[in-house]
Structure formats: C-alpha cells, structure tokens
Amino acid sequence: MLINIAIGRIVWSEEDQQFVGLCAEFPLLSWLASSKESALEGICKLVSKKLAQPHPSDEPSPEPLSLQSDRGKFVAEAPTEEFHKLILKAAEGRAILNEMISQKLSQ
C-alpha cells in the first residue's frame, strides 16, 4: 500500500537520548529508536498500522499534506513602524508586499 503522507521528520530527543520519527498528519504518533533509519522505519510502520485500523465515521483519516492544494494564508502582526518600512521597501522595489514577503519566506 502506498502511503502518501508526510512521513520522514526525524529529530533528536536530548531527553530520551534517541532519534524520534514523526508524522505531520498524525501529531500524536512518534517512534523512538537508536538510529535515524530505525526511527523512520518505525514511524512508517506505525502510520501504516494506524491507517489500516477501522476508524469511527466521525474521525476521518487526515488529508495528506502533499495533496492539500490551498495556497494558505499567513497573517502576522508587526509594529506600525516596521510595517511602514516593509511597505516602503516593497514600493521602492516595485513589488507587491505579499510577493516580497512570500519570496523572503521561501528563502
């Protein structure tokens, strides 16, 4: 079975002194292991098992992040002075503020 979800985030747990395998779509699942490879393999198996289990009709499986097509919105507050600096910088560069910020975020 092909699993089309964002598996693969491996982090080090200082507290546990082990690697932790994580899955963005299932934030409550994790897998501890002594190697990155074992952590990845463990979280993959755990997610596969979770997806194979029947779930209540009111609890649908999460939509894979890779299939989500919305552009997303990002709202941030900035002090007035900083906001005016951003507007000025965008205008001087003949750019749209949203495009300028999106470009900076993607770097």
PDB file of N, CA and C in Angstrom:
ATOM      1  N   MET A   1       0.846  -1.174   0.000  1.00  0.00           N
ATOM      2  CA  MET A   1       0.000   0.000   0.000  1.00  0.00           C
ATOM      3  C   MET A   1       0.892   1.237   0.000  1.00  0.00           C
ATOM      4  N   LEU A   2       0.605   2.186  -0.892  1.00  0.00           N
ATOM      5  CA  LEU A   2       1.350   3.430  -0.967  1.00  0.00           C
ATOM      6  C   LEU A   2       0.799   4.401   0.073  1.00  0.00           C
ATOM      7  N   ILE A   3       1.679   4.922   0.897  1.00  0.00           N
ATOM      8  CA  ILE A   3       1.267   5.889   1.910  1.00  0.00           C
ATOM      9  C   ILE A   3       1.694   7.256   1.429  1.00  0.00           C
ATOM     10  N   ASN A   4       0.721   8.104   1.144  1.00  0.00           N
ATOM     11  CA  ASN A   4       1.011   9.429   0.621  1.00  0.00           C
ATOM     12  C   ASN A   4       0.864  10.459   1.743  1.00  0.00           C
ATOM     13  N   ILE A   5       1.746  10.356   2.709  1.00  0.00           N
ATOM     14  CA  ILE A   5       1.709  11.292   3.824  1.00  0.00           C
ATOM     15  C   ILE A   5       3.114  11.792   4.106  1.00  0.00           C
ATOM     16  N   ALA A   6       3.195  12.824   4.906  1.00  0.00           N
ATOM     17  CA  ALA A   6       4.482  13.463   5.171  1.00  0.00           C
ATOM     18  C   ALA A   6       5.249  12.742   6.268  1.00  0.00           C
ATOM     19  N   ILE A   7       5.675  11.534   5.973  1.00  0.00           N
ATOM     20  CA  ILE A   7       6.494  10.802   6.924  1.00  0.00           C
ATOM     21  C   ILE A   7       7.946  11.199   6.665  1.00  0.00           C
ATOM     22  N   GLY A   8       8.730  11.189   7.695  1.00  0.00           N
ATOM     23  CA  GLY A   8      10.130  11.389   7.447  1.00  0.00           C
ATOM     24  C   GLY A   8      10.805  12.434   8.309  1.00  0.00           C
ATOM     25  N   ARG A   9      10.094  13.053   9.162  1.00  0.00           N
ATOM     26  CA  ARG A   9      10.740  14.023  10.025  1.00  0.00           C
ATOM     27  C   ARG A   9      11.366  13.265  11.187  1.00  0.00           C
ATOM     28  N   ILE A  10      12.668  13.349  11.253  1.00  0.00           N
ATOM     29  CA  ILE A  10      13.403  12.677  12.312  1.00  0.00           C
ATOM     30  C   ILE A  10      14.116  13.753  13.124  1.00  0.00           C
ATOM     31  N   VAL A  11      13.924  13.731  14.430  1.00  0.00           N
ATOM     32  CA  VAL A  11      14.577  14.694  15.309  1.00  0.00           C
ATOM     33  C   VAL A  11      15.288  13.943  16.426  1.00  0.00           C
ATOM     34  N   TRP A  12      16.240  14.604  17.044  1.00  0.00           N
ATOM     35  CA  TRP A  12      16.955  14.024  18.172  1.00  0.00           C
ATOM     36  C   TRP A  12      16.281  14.461  19.456  1.00  0.00           C
ATOM     37  N   SER A  13      16.025  13.525  20.352  1.00  0.00           N
ATOM     38  CA  SER A  13      15.463  13.828  21.660  1.00  0.00           C
ATOM     39  C   SER A  13      16.585  13.783  22.682  1.00  0.00           C
ATOM     40  N   GLU A  14      16.953  14.942  23.174  1.00  0.00           N
ATOM     41  CA  GLU A  14      18.008  15.017  24.199  1.00  0.00           C
ATOM     42  C   GLU A  14      17.551  14.289  25.456  1.00  0.00           C
ATOM     43  N   GLU A  15      16.262  14.452  25.779  1.00  0.00           N
ATOM     44  CA  GLU A  15      15.707  13.826  26.983  1.00  0.00           C
ATOM     45  C   GLU A  15      15.792  12.303  26.927  1.00  0.00           C
ATOM     46  N   ASP A  16      15.442  11.733  25.774  1.00  0.00           N
ATOM     47  CA  ASP A  16      15.433  10.272  25.625  1.00  0.00           C
ATOM     48  C   ASP A  16      16.764   9.720  25.114  1.00  0.00           C
ATOM     49  N   GLN A  17      17.621  10.607  24.616  1.00  0.00           N
ATOM     50  CA  GLN A  17      18.888  10.196  24.013  1.00  0.00           C
ATOM     51  C   GLN A  17      18.659   9.211  22.867  1.00  0.00           C
ATOM     52  N   GLN A  18      17.614   9.502  22.078  1.00  0.00           N
ATOM     53  CA  GLN A  18      17.279   8.672  20.917  1.00  0.00           C
ATOM     54  C   GLN A  18      16.719   9.563  19.817  1.00  0.00           C
ATOM     55  N   PHE A  19      16.653   9.001  18.610  1.00  0.00           N
ATOM     56  CA  PHE A  19      16.012   9.675  17.492  1.00  0.00           C
ATOM     57  C   PHE A  19      14.513   9.440  17.576  1.00  0.00           C
ATOM     58  N   VAL A  20      13.744  10.429  17.120  1.00  0.00           N
ATOM     59  CA  VAL A  20      12.287  10.335  17.162  1.00  0.00           C
ATOM     60  C   VAL A  20      11.760  10.472  15.740  1.00  0.00           C
ATOM     61  N   GLY A  21      10.986   9.489  15.290  1.00  0.00           N
ATOM     62  CA  GLY A  21      10.320   9.552  13.998  1.00  0.00           C
ATOM     63  C   GLY A  21       8.947  10.180  14.198  1.00  0.00           C
ATOM     64  N   LEU A  22       8.621  11.156  13.352  1.00  0.00           N
ATOM     65  CA  LEU A  22       7.355  11.889  13.470  1.00  0.00           C
ATOM     66  C   LEU A  22       6.629  11.921  12.137  1.00  0.00           C
ATOM     67  N   CYS A  23       5.327  12.164  12.196  1.00  0.00           N
ATOM     68  CA  CYS A  23       4.488  12.290  11.003  1.00  0.00           C
ATOM     69  C   CYS A  23       3.578  13.493  11.204  1.00  0.00           C
ATOM     70  N   ALA A  24       3.651  14.472  10.307  1.00  0.00           N
ATOM     71  CA  ALA A  24       2.887  15.710  10.456  1.00  0.00           C
ATOM     72  C   ALA A  24       1.374  15.470  10.514  1.00  0.00           C
ATOM     73  N   GLU A  25       0.883  14.512   9.736  1.00  0.00           N
ATOM     74  CA  GLU A  25      -0.561  14.269   9.707  1.00  0.00           C
ATOM     75  C   GLU A  25      -1.069  13.549  10.961  1.00  0.00           C
ATOM     76  N   PHE A  26      -0.173  12.908  11.676  1.00  0.00           N
ATOM     77  CA  PHE A  26      -0.538  12.200  12.911  1.00  0.00           C
ATOM     78  C   PHE A  26       0.348  12.714  14.050  1.00  0.00           C
ATOM     79  N   PRO A  27       0.058  13.899  14.550  1.00  0.00           N
ATOM     80  CA  PRO A  27       0.938  14.519  15.539  1.00  0.00           C
ATOM     81  C   PRO A  27       1.043  13.774  16.865  1.00  0.00           C
ATOM     82  N   LEU A  28       0.127  12.866  17.152  1.00  0.00           N
ATOM     83  CA  LEU A  28       0.190  12.122  18.406  1.00  0.00           C
ATOM     84  C   LEU A  28       1.043  10.859  18.303  1.00  0.00           C
ATOM     85  N   LEU A  29       1.465  10.504  17.091  1.00  0.00           N
ATOM     86  CA  LEU A  29       2.290   9.316  16.900  1.00  0.00           C
ATOM     87  C   LEU A  29       3.766   9.690  16.854  1.00  0.00           C
ATOM     88  N   SER A  30       4.595   8.844  17.435  1.00  0.00           N
ATOM     89  CA  SER A  30       6.043   9.021  17.336  1.00  0.00           C
ATOM     90  C   SER A  30       6.704   7.661  17.549  1.00  0.00           C
ATOM     91  N   TRP A  31       7.977   7.565  17.154  1.00  0.00           N
ATOM     92  CA  TRP A  31       8.706   6.309  17.301  1.00  0.00           C
ATOM     93  C   TRP A  31      10.134   6.634  17.715  1.00  0.00           C
ATOM     94  N   LEU A  32      10.545   6.082  18.850  1.00  0.00           N
ATOM     95  CA  LEU A  32      11.908   6.266  19.346  1.00  0.00           C
ATOM     96  C   LEU A  32      12.806   5.138  18.864  1.00  0.00           C
ATOM     97  N   ALA A  33      14.031   5.483  18.471  1.00  0.00           N
ATOM     98  CA  ALA A  33      14.992   4.465  18.037  1.00  0.00           C
ATOM     99  C   ALA A  33      16.408   5.007  18.196  1.00  0.00           C
ATOM    100  N   SER A  34      17.346   4.095  18.195  1.00  0.00           N
ATOM    101  CA  SER A  34      18.744   4.492  18.381  1.00  0.00           C
ATOM    102  C   SER A  34      19.394   5.010  17.099  1.00  0.00           C
ATOM    103  N   SER A  35      18.754   4.784  15.939  1.00  0.00           N
ATOM    104  CA  SER A  35      19.296   5.298  14.676  1.00  0.00           C
ATOM    105  C   SER A  35      18.204   6.031  13.904  1.00  0.00           C
ATOM    106  N   LYS A  36      18.626   6.922  13.001  1.00  0.00           N
ATOM    107  CA  LYS A  36      17.671   7.654  12.163  1.00  0.00           C
ATOM    108  C   LYS A  36      16.860   6.686  11.316  1.00  0.00           C
ATOM    109  N   GLU A  37      17.538   5.701  10.761  1.00  0.00           N
ATOM    110  CA  GLU A  37      16.883   4.741   9.876  1.00  0.00           C
ATOM    111  C   GLU A  37      15.806   3.951  10.622  1.00  0.00           C
ATOM    112  N   SER A  38      16.129   3.528  11.836  1.00  0.00           N
ATOM    113  CA  SER A  38      15.160   2.764  12.630  1.00  0.00           C
ATOM    114  C   SER A  38      13.974   3.638  13.044  1.00  0.00           C
ATOM    115  N   ALA A  39      14.236   4.903  13.327  1.00  0.00           N
ATOM    116  CA  ALA A  39      13.152   5.820  13.696  1.00  0.00           C
ATOM    117  C   ALA A  39      12.207   6.020  12.511  1.00  0.00           C
ATOM    118  N   LEU A  40      12.782   6.160  11.316  1.00  0.00           N
ATOM    119  CA  LEU A  40      11.957   6.329  10.113  1.00  0.00           C
ATOM    120  C   LEU A  40      11.157   5.062   9.822  1.00  0.00           C
ATOM    121  N   GLU A  41      11.814   3.934   9.893  1.00  0.00           N
ATOM    122  CA  GLU A  41      11.126   2.658   9.654  1.00  0.00           C
ATOM    123  C   GLU A  41      10.004   2.450  10.674  1.00  0.00           C
ATOM    124  N   GLY A  42      10.266   2.777  11.927  1.00  0.00           N
ATOM    125  CA  GLY A  42       9.273   2.603  12.980  1.00  0.00           C
ATOM    126  C   GLY A  42       8.048   3.475  12.795  1.00  0.00           C
ATOM    127  N   ILE A  43       8.255   4.755  12.465  1.00  0.00           N
ATOM    128  CA  ILE A  43       7.099   5.646  12.290  1.00  0.00           C
ATOM    129  C   ILE A  43       6.314   5.250  11.041  1.00  0.00           C
ATOM    130  N   CYS A  44       6.998   4.780  10.009  1.00  0.00           N
ATOM    131  CA  CYS A  44       6.292   4.312   8.799  1.00  0.00           C
ATOM    132  C   CYS A  44       5.386   3.131   9.123  1.00  0.00           C
ATOM    133  N   LYS A  45       5.909   2.180   9.879  1.00  0.00           N
ATOM    134  CA  LYS A  45       5.105   1.010  10.257  1.00  0.00           C
ATOM    135  C   LYS A  45       3.940   1.412  11.152  1.00  0.00           C
ATOM    136  N   LEU A  46       4.196   2.331  12.078  1.00  0.00           N
ATOM    137  CA  LEU A  46       3.149   2.782  12.992  1.00  0.00           C
ATOM    138  C   LEU A  46       2.017   3.491  12.247  1.00  0.00           C
ATOM    139  N   VAL A  47       2.366   4.334  11.290  1.00  0.00           N
ATOM    140  CA  VAL A  47       1.357   5.039  10.498  1.00  0.00           C
ATOM    141  C   VAL A  47       0.595   4.057   9.620  1.00  0.00           C
ATOM    142  N   SER A  48       1.291   3.098   9.015  1.00  0.00           N
ATOM    143  CA  SER A  48       0.615   2.082   8.195  1.00  0.00           C
ATOM    144  C   SER A  48      -0.408   1.315   9.022  1.00  0.00           C
ATOM    145  N   LYS A  49      -0.011   0.961  10.228  1.00  0.00           N
ATOM    146  CA  LYS A  49      -0.915   0.237  11.132  1.00  0.00           C
ATOM    147  C   LYS A  49      -2.125   1.104  11.489  1.00  0.00           C
ATOM    148  N   LYS A  50      -1.876   2.382  11.757  1.00  0.00           N
ATOM    149  CA  LYS A  50      -2.956   3.310  12.101  1.00  0.00           C
ATOM    150  C   LYS A  50      -3.940   3.449  10.933  1.00  0.00           C
ATOM    151  N   LEU A  51      -3.407   3.561   9.717  1.00  0.00           N
ATOM    152  CA  LEU A  51      -4.270   3.718   8.541  1.00  0.00           C
ATOM    153  C   LEU A  51      -5.072   2.456   8.241  1.00  0.00           C
ATOM    154  N   ALA A  52      -4.533   1.303   8.613  1.00  0.00           N
ATOM    155  CA  ALA A  52      -5.218   0.038   8.358  1.00  0.00           C
ATOM    156  C   ALA A  52      -6.344  -0.222   9.353  1.00  0.00           C
ATOM    157  N   GLN A  53      -6.292   0.436  10.505  1.00  0.00           N
ATOM    158  CA  GLN A  53      -7.321   0.240  11.522  1.00  0.00           C
ATOM    159  C   GLN A  53      -8.620   0.936  11.105  1.00  0.00           C
ATOM    160  N   PRO A  54      -9.755   0.278  11.338  1.00  0.00           N
ATOM    161  CA  PRO A  54     -11.017   0.978  11.083  1.00  0.00           C
ATOM    162  C   PRO A  54     -11.146   2.128  12.079  1.00  0.00           C
ATOM    163  N   HIS A  55     -11.687   3.225  11.605  1.00  0.00           N
ATOM    164  CA  HIS A  55     -11.857   4.361  12.498  1.00  0.00           C
ATOM    165  C   HIS A  55     -13.316   4.796  12.491  1.00  0.00           C
ATOM    166  N   PRO A  56     -13.768   5.394  13.574  1.00  0.00           N
ATOM    167  CA  PRO A  56     -15.161   5.843  13.643  1.00  0.00           C
ATOM    168  C   PRO A  56     -15.470   6.802  12.496  1.00  0.00           C
ATOM    169  N   SER A  57     -16.729   6.795  12.079  1.00  0.00           N
ATOM    170  CA  SER A  57     -17.116   7.640  10.941  1.00  0.00           C
ATOM    171  C   SER A  57     -16.912   9.124  11.226  1.00  0.00           C
ATOM    172  N   ASP A  58     -16.897   9.508  12.493  1.00  0.00           N
ATOM    173  CA  ASP A  58     -16.693  10.924  12.816  1.00  0.00           C
ATOM    174  C   ASP A  58     -15.202  11.280  12.919  1.00  0.00           C
ATOM    175  N   GLU A  59     -14.326  10.331  12.638  1.00  0.00           N
ATOM    176  CA  GLU A  59     -12.886  10.574  12.707  1.00  0.00           C
ATOM    177  C   GLU A  59     -12.238  10.158  11.387  1.00  0.00           C
ATOM    178  N   PRO A  60     -12.317  11.017  10.372  1.00  0.00           N
ATOM    179  CA  PRO A  60     -11.738  10.647   9.076  1.00  0.00           C
ATOM    180  C   PRO A  60     -10.212  10.655   9.128  1.00  0.00           C
ATOM    181  N   SER A  61      -9.596   9.898   8.235  1.00  0.00           N
ATOM    182  CA  SER A  61      -8.141   9.932   8.125  1.00  0.00           C
ATOM    183  C   SER A  61      -7.729  11.327   7.681  1.00  0.00           C
ATOM    184  N   PRO A  62      -6.599  11.799   8.153  1.00  0.00           N
ATOM    185  CA  PRO A  62      -6.163  13.143   7.764  1.00  0.00           C
ATOM    186  C   PRO A  62      -5.812  13.195   6.280  1.00  0.00           C
ATOM    187  N   GLU A  63      -6.045  14.342   5.677  1.00  0.00           N
ATOM    188  CA  GLU A  63      -5.683  14.526   4.275  1.00  0.00           C
ATOM    189  C   GLU A  63      -4.165  14.705   4.199  1.00  0.00           C
ATOM    190  N   PRO A  64      -3.505  13.955   3.326  1.00  0.00           N
ATOM    191  CA  PRO A  64      -2.056  14.108   3.207  1.00  0.00           C
ATOM    192  C   PRO A  64      -1.677  15.546   2.860  1.00  0.00           C
ATOM    193  N   LEU A  65      -0.648  16.054   3.489  1.00  0.00           N
ATOM    194  CA  LEU A  65      -0.202  17.419   3.213  1.00  0.00           C
ATOM    195  C   LEU A  65       0.161  17.591   1.745  1.00  0.00           C
ATOM    196  N   SER A  66       0.690  16.533   1.139  1.00  0.00           N
ATOM    197  CA  SER A  66       1.101  16.617  -0.263  1.00  0.00           C
ATOM    198  C   SER A  66      -0.082  16.777  -1.211  1.00  0.00           C
ATOM    199  N   LEU A  67      -1.291  16.474  -0.752  1.00  0.00           N
ATOM    200  CA  LEU A  67      -2.474  16.611  -1.603  1.00  0.00           C
ATOM    201  C   LEU A  67      -3.252  17.891  -1.335  1.00  0.00           C
ATOM    202  N   GLN A  68      -2.872  18.623  -0.312  1.00  0.00           N
ATOM    203  CA  GLN A  68      -3.592  19.860   0.004  1.00  0.00           C
ATOM    204  C   GLN A  68      -3.209  20.920  -1.008  1.00  0.00           C
ATOM    205  N   SER A  69      -4.220  21.509  -1.627  1.00  0.00           N
ATOM    206  CA  SER A  69      -3.950  22.436  -2.727  1.00  0.00           C
ATOM    207  C   SER A  69      -4.147  23.902  -2.367  1.00  0.00           C
ATOM    208  N   ASP A  70      -4.629  24.180  -1.180  1.00  0.00           N
ATOM    209  CA  ASP A  70      -4.830  25.583  -0.847  1.00  0.00           C
ATOM    210  C   ASP A  70      -3.493  26.294  -0.742  1.00  0.00           C
ATOM    211  N   ARG A  71      -3.500  27.556  -1.114  1.00  0.00           N
ATOM    212  CA  ARG A  71      -2.273  28.338  -1.078  1.00  0.00           C
ATOM    213  C   ARG A  71      -1.881  28.661   0.352  1.00  0.00           C
ATOM    214  N   GLY A  72      -2.844  28.719   1.210  1.00  0.00           N
ATOM    215  CA  GLY A  72      -2.558  29.033   2.601  1.00  0.00           C
ATOM    216  C   GLY A  72      -2.518  30.525   2.833  1.00  0.00           C
ATOM    217  N   LYS A  73      -2.867  30.900   4.020  1.00  0.00           N
ATOM    218  CA  LYS A  73      -2.801  32.300   4.397  1.00  0.00           C
ATOM    219  C   LYS A  73      -1.891  32.410   5.597  1.00  0.00           C
ATOM    220  N   PHE A  74      -1.170  33.481   5.624  1.00  0.00           N
ATOM    221  CA  PHE A  74      -0.240  33.739   6.707  1.00  0.00           C
ATOM    222  C   PHE A  74      -0.521  35.151   7.195  1.00  0.00           C
ATOM    223  N   VAL A  75      -0.936  35.271   8.425  1.00  0.00           N
ATOM    224  CA  VAL A  75      -1.247  36.583   8.980  1.00  0.00           C
ATOM    225  C   VAL A  75      -0.250  36.865  10.085  1.00  0.00           C
ATOM    226  N   ALA A  76       0.380  38.008  10.001  1.00  0.00           N
ATOM    227  CA  ALA A  76       1.353  38.378  11.022  1.00  0.00           C
ATOM    228  C   ALA A  76       1.141  39.830  11.411  1.00  0.00           C
ATOM    229  N   GLU A  77       1.336  40.107  12.662  1.00  0.00           N
ATOM    230  CA  GLU A  77       1.261  41.486  13.127  1.00  0.00           C
ATOM    231  C   GLU A  77       2.665  42.029  13.263  1.00  0.00           C
ATOM    232  N   ALA A  78       2.832  43.276  12.897  1.00  0.00           N
ATOM    233  CA  ALA A  78       4.125  43.938  13.022  1.00  0.00           C
ATOM    234  C   ALA A  78       3.886  45.319  13.612  1.00  0.00           C
ATOM    235  N   PRO A  79       4.875  45.828  14.319  1.00  0.00           N
ATOM    236  CA  PRO A  79       4.740  47.194  14.813  1.00  0.00           C
ATOM    237  C   PRO A  79       4.531  48.145  13.636  1.00  0.00           C
ATOM    238  N   THR A  80       3.795  49.196  13.843  1.00  0.00           N
ATOM    239  CA  THR A  80       3.445  50.141  12.774  1.00  0.00           C
ATOM    240  C   THR A  80       4.673  50.618  12.023  1.00  0.00           C
ATOM    241  N   GLU A  81       5.707  50.981  12.738  1.00  0.00           N
ATOM    242  CA  GLU A  81       6.922  51.485  12.097  1.00  0.00           C
ATOM    243  C   GLU A  81       7.539  50.432  11.176  1.00  0.00           C
ATOM    244  N   GLU A  82       7.600  49.182  11.636  1.00  0.00           N
ATOM    245  CA  GLU A  82       8.158  48.102  10.816  1.00  0.00           C
ATOM    246  C   GLU A  82       7.281  47.834   9.597  1.00  0.00           C
ATOM    247  N   PHE A  83       5.982  47.890   9.790  1.00  0.00           N
ATOM    248  CA  PHE A  83       5.051  47.675   8.676  1.00  0.00           C
ATOM    249  C   PHE A  83       5.249  48.752   7.611  1.00  0.00           C
ATOM    250  N   HIS A  84       5.394  49.992   8.044  1.00  0.00           N
ATOM    251  CA  HIS A  84       5.614  51.084   7.081  1.00  0.00           C
ATOM    252  C   HIS A  84       6.938  50.918   6.342  1.00  0.00           C
ATOM    253  N   LYS A  85       7.961  50.425   7.033  1.00  0.00           N
ATOM    254  CA  LYS A  85       9.242  50.154   6.368  1.00  0.00           C
ATOM    255  C   LYS A  85       9.073  49.082   5.288  1.00  0.00           C
ATOM    256  N   LEU A  86       8.293  48.045   5.598  1.00  0.00           N
ATOM    257  CA  LEU A  86       8.057  46.976   4.612  1.00  0.00           C
ATOM    258  C   LEU A  86       7.304  47.498   3.393  1.00  0.00           C
ATOM    259  N   ILE A  87       6.289  48.314   3.637  1.00  0.00           N
ATOM    260  CA  ILE A  87       5.522  48.892   2.522  1.00  0.00           C
ATOM    261  C   ILE A  87       6.427  49.740   1.649  1.00  0.00           C
ATOM    262  N   LEU A  88       7.262  50.566   2.282  1.00  0.00           N
ATOM    263  CA  LEU A  88       8.185  51.422   1.546  1.00  0.00           C
ATOM    264  C   LEU A  88       9.184  50.598   0.744  1.00  0.00           C
ATOM    265  N   LYS A  89       9.736  49.566   1.363  1.00  0.00           N
ATOM    266  CA  LYS A  89      10.699  48.703   0.675  1.00  0.00           C
ATOM    267  C   LYS A  89      10.063  48.025  -0.535  1.00  0.00           C
ATOM    268  N   ALA A  90       8.835  47.551  -0.379  1.00  0.00           N
ATOM    269  CA  ALA A  90       8.129  46.911  -1.499  1.00  0.00           C
ATOM    270  C   ALA A  90       7.876  47.918  -2.608  1.00  0.00           C
ATOM    271  N   ALA A  91       7.437  49.117  -2.241  1.00  0.00           N
ATOM    272  CA  ALA A  91       7.144  50.147  -3.251  1.00  0.00           C
ATOM    273  C   ALA A  91       8.409  50.550  -3.994  1.00  0.00           C
ATOM    274  N   GLU A  92       9.508  50.713  -3.269  1.00  0.00           N
ATOM    275  CA  GLU A  92      10.774  51.095  -3.908  1.00  0.00           C
ATOM    276  C   GLU A  92      11.257  50.016  -4.873  1.00  0.00           C
ATOM    277  N   GLY A  93      10.961  48.784  -4.566  1.00  0.00           N
ATOM    278  CA  GLY A  93      11.355  47.685  -5.444  1.00  0.00           C
ATOM    279  C   GLY A  93      10.296  47.343  -6.469  1.00  0.00           C
ATOM    280  N   ARG A  94       9.263  48.175  -6.526  1.00  0.00           N
ATOM    281  CA  ARG A  94       8.132  47.961  -7.439  1.00  0.00           C
ATOM    282  C   ARG A  94       7.579  46.533  -7.280  1.00  0.00           C
ATOM    283  N   ALA A  95       7.404  46.136  -6.039  1.00  0.00           N
ATOM    284  CA  ALA A  95       6.889  44.800  -5.742  1.00  0.00           C
ATOM    285  C   ALA A  95       5.598  44.910  -4.937  1.00  0.00           C
ATOM    286  N   ILE A  96       4.853  43.846  -4.933  1.00  0.00           N
ATOM    287  CA  ILE A  96       3.677  43.745  -4.080  1.00  0.00           C
ATOM    288  C   ILE A  96       4.160  43.194  -2.750  1.00  0.00           C
ATOM    289  N   LEU A  97       3.692  43.771  -1.664  1.00  0.00           N
ATOM    290  CA  LEU A  97       4.156  43.382  -0.338  1.00  0.00           C
ATOM    291  C   LEU A  97       4.030  41.877  -0.112  1.00  0.00           C
ATOM    292  N   ASN A  98       2.891  41.289  -0.458  1.00  0.00           N
ATOM    293  CA  ASN A  98       2.701  39.842  -0.261  1.00  0.00           C
ATOM    294  C   ASN A  98       3.744  39.033  -1.025  1.00  0.00           C
ATOM    295  N   GLU A  99       4.023  39.441  -2.264  1.00  0.00           N
ATOM    296  CA  GLU A  99       5.010  38.712  -3.067  1.00  0.00           C
ATOM    297  C   GLU A  99       6.401  38.826  -2.455  1.00  0.00           C
ATOM    298  N   MET A 100       6.726  40.030  -1.971  1.00  0.00           N
ATOM    299  CA  MET A 100       8.034  40.244  -1.367  1.00  0.00           C
ATOM    300  C   MET A 100       8.197  39.365  -0.123  1.00  0.00           C
ATOM    301  N   ILE A 101       7.182  39.321   0.704  1.00  0.00           N
ATOM    302  CA  ILE A 101       7.237  38.518   1.931  1.00  0.00           C
ATOM    303  C   ILE A 101       7.269  37.024   1.589  1.00  0.00           C
ATOM    304  N   SER A 102       6.464  36.610   0.620  1.00  0.00           N
ATOM    305  CA  SER A 102       6.474  35.194   0.214  1.00  0.00           C
ATOM    306  C   SER A 102       7.852  34.782  -0.284  1.00  0.00           C
ATOM    307  N   GLN A 103       8.491  35.665  -1.038  1.00  0.00           N
ATOM    308  CA  GLN A 103       9.818  35.364  -1.544  1.00  0.00           C
ATOM    309  C   GLN A 103      10.813  35.233  -0.399  1.00  0.00           C
ATOM    310  N   LYS A 104      10.729  36.109   0.578  1.00  0.00           N
ATOM    311  CA  LYS A 104      11.633  36.046   1.730  1.00  0.00           C
ATOM    312  C   LYS A 104      11.396  34.759   2.535  1.00  0.00           C
ATOM    313  N   LEU A 105      10.133  34.380   2.718  1.00  0.00           N
ATOM    314  CA  LEU A 105       9.820  33.170   3.477  1.00  0.00           C
ATOM    315  C   LEU A 105      10.327  31.915   2.784  1.00  0.00           C
ATOM    316  N   SER A 106      10.336  31.918   1.465  1.00  0.00           N
ATOM    317  CA  SER A 106      10.750  30.723   0.728  1.00  0.00           C
ATOM    318  C   SER A 106      12.269  30.571   0.663  1.00  0.00           C
ATOM    319  N   GLN A 107      13.007  31.592   1.075  1.00  0.00           N
ATOM    320  CA  GLN A 107      14.477  31.518   1.016  1.00  0.00           C
ATOM    321  C   GLN A 107      15.047  30.714   2.146  1.00  0.00           C
TER     322      GLN A 107
END
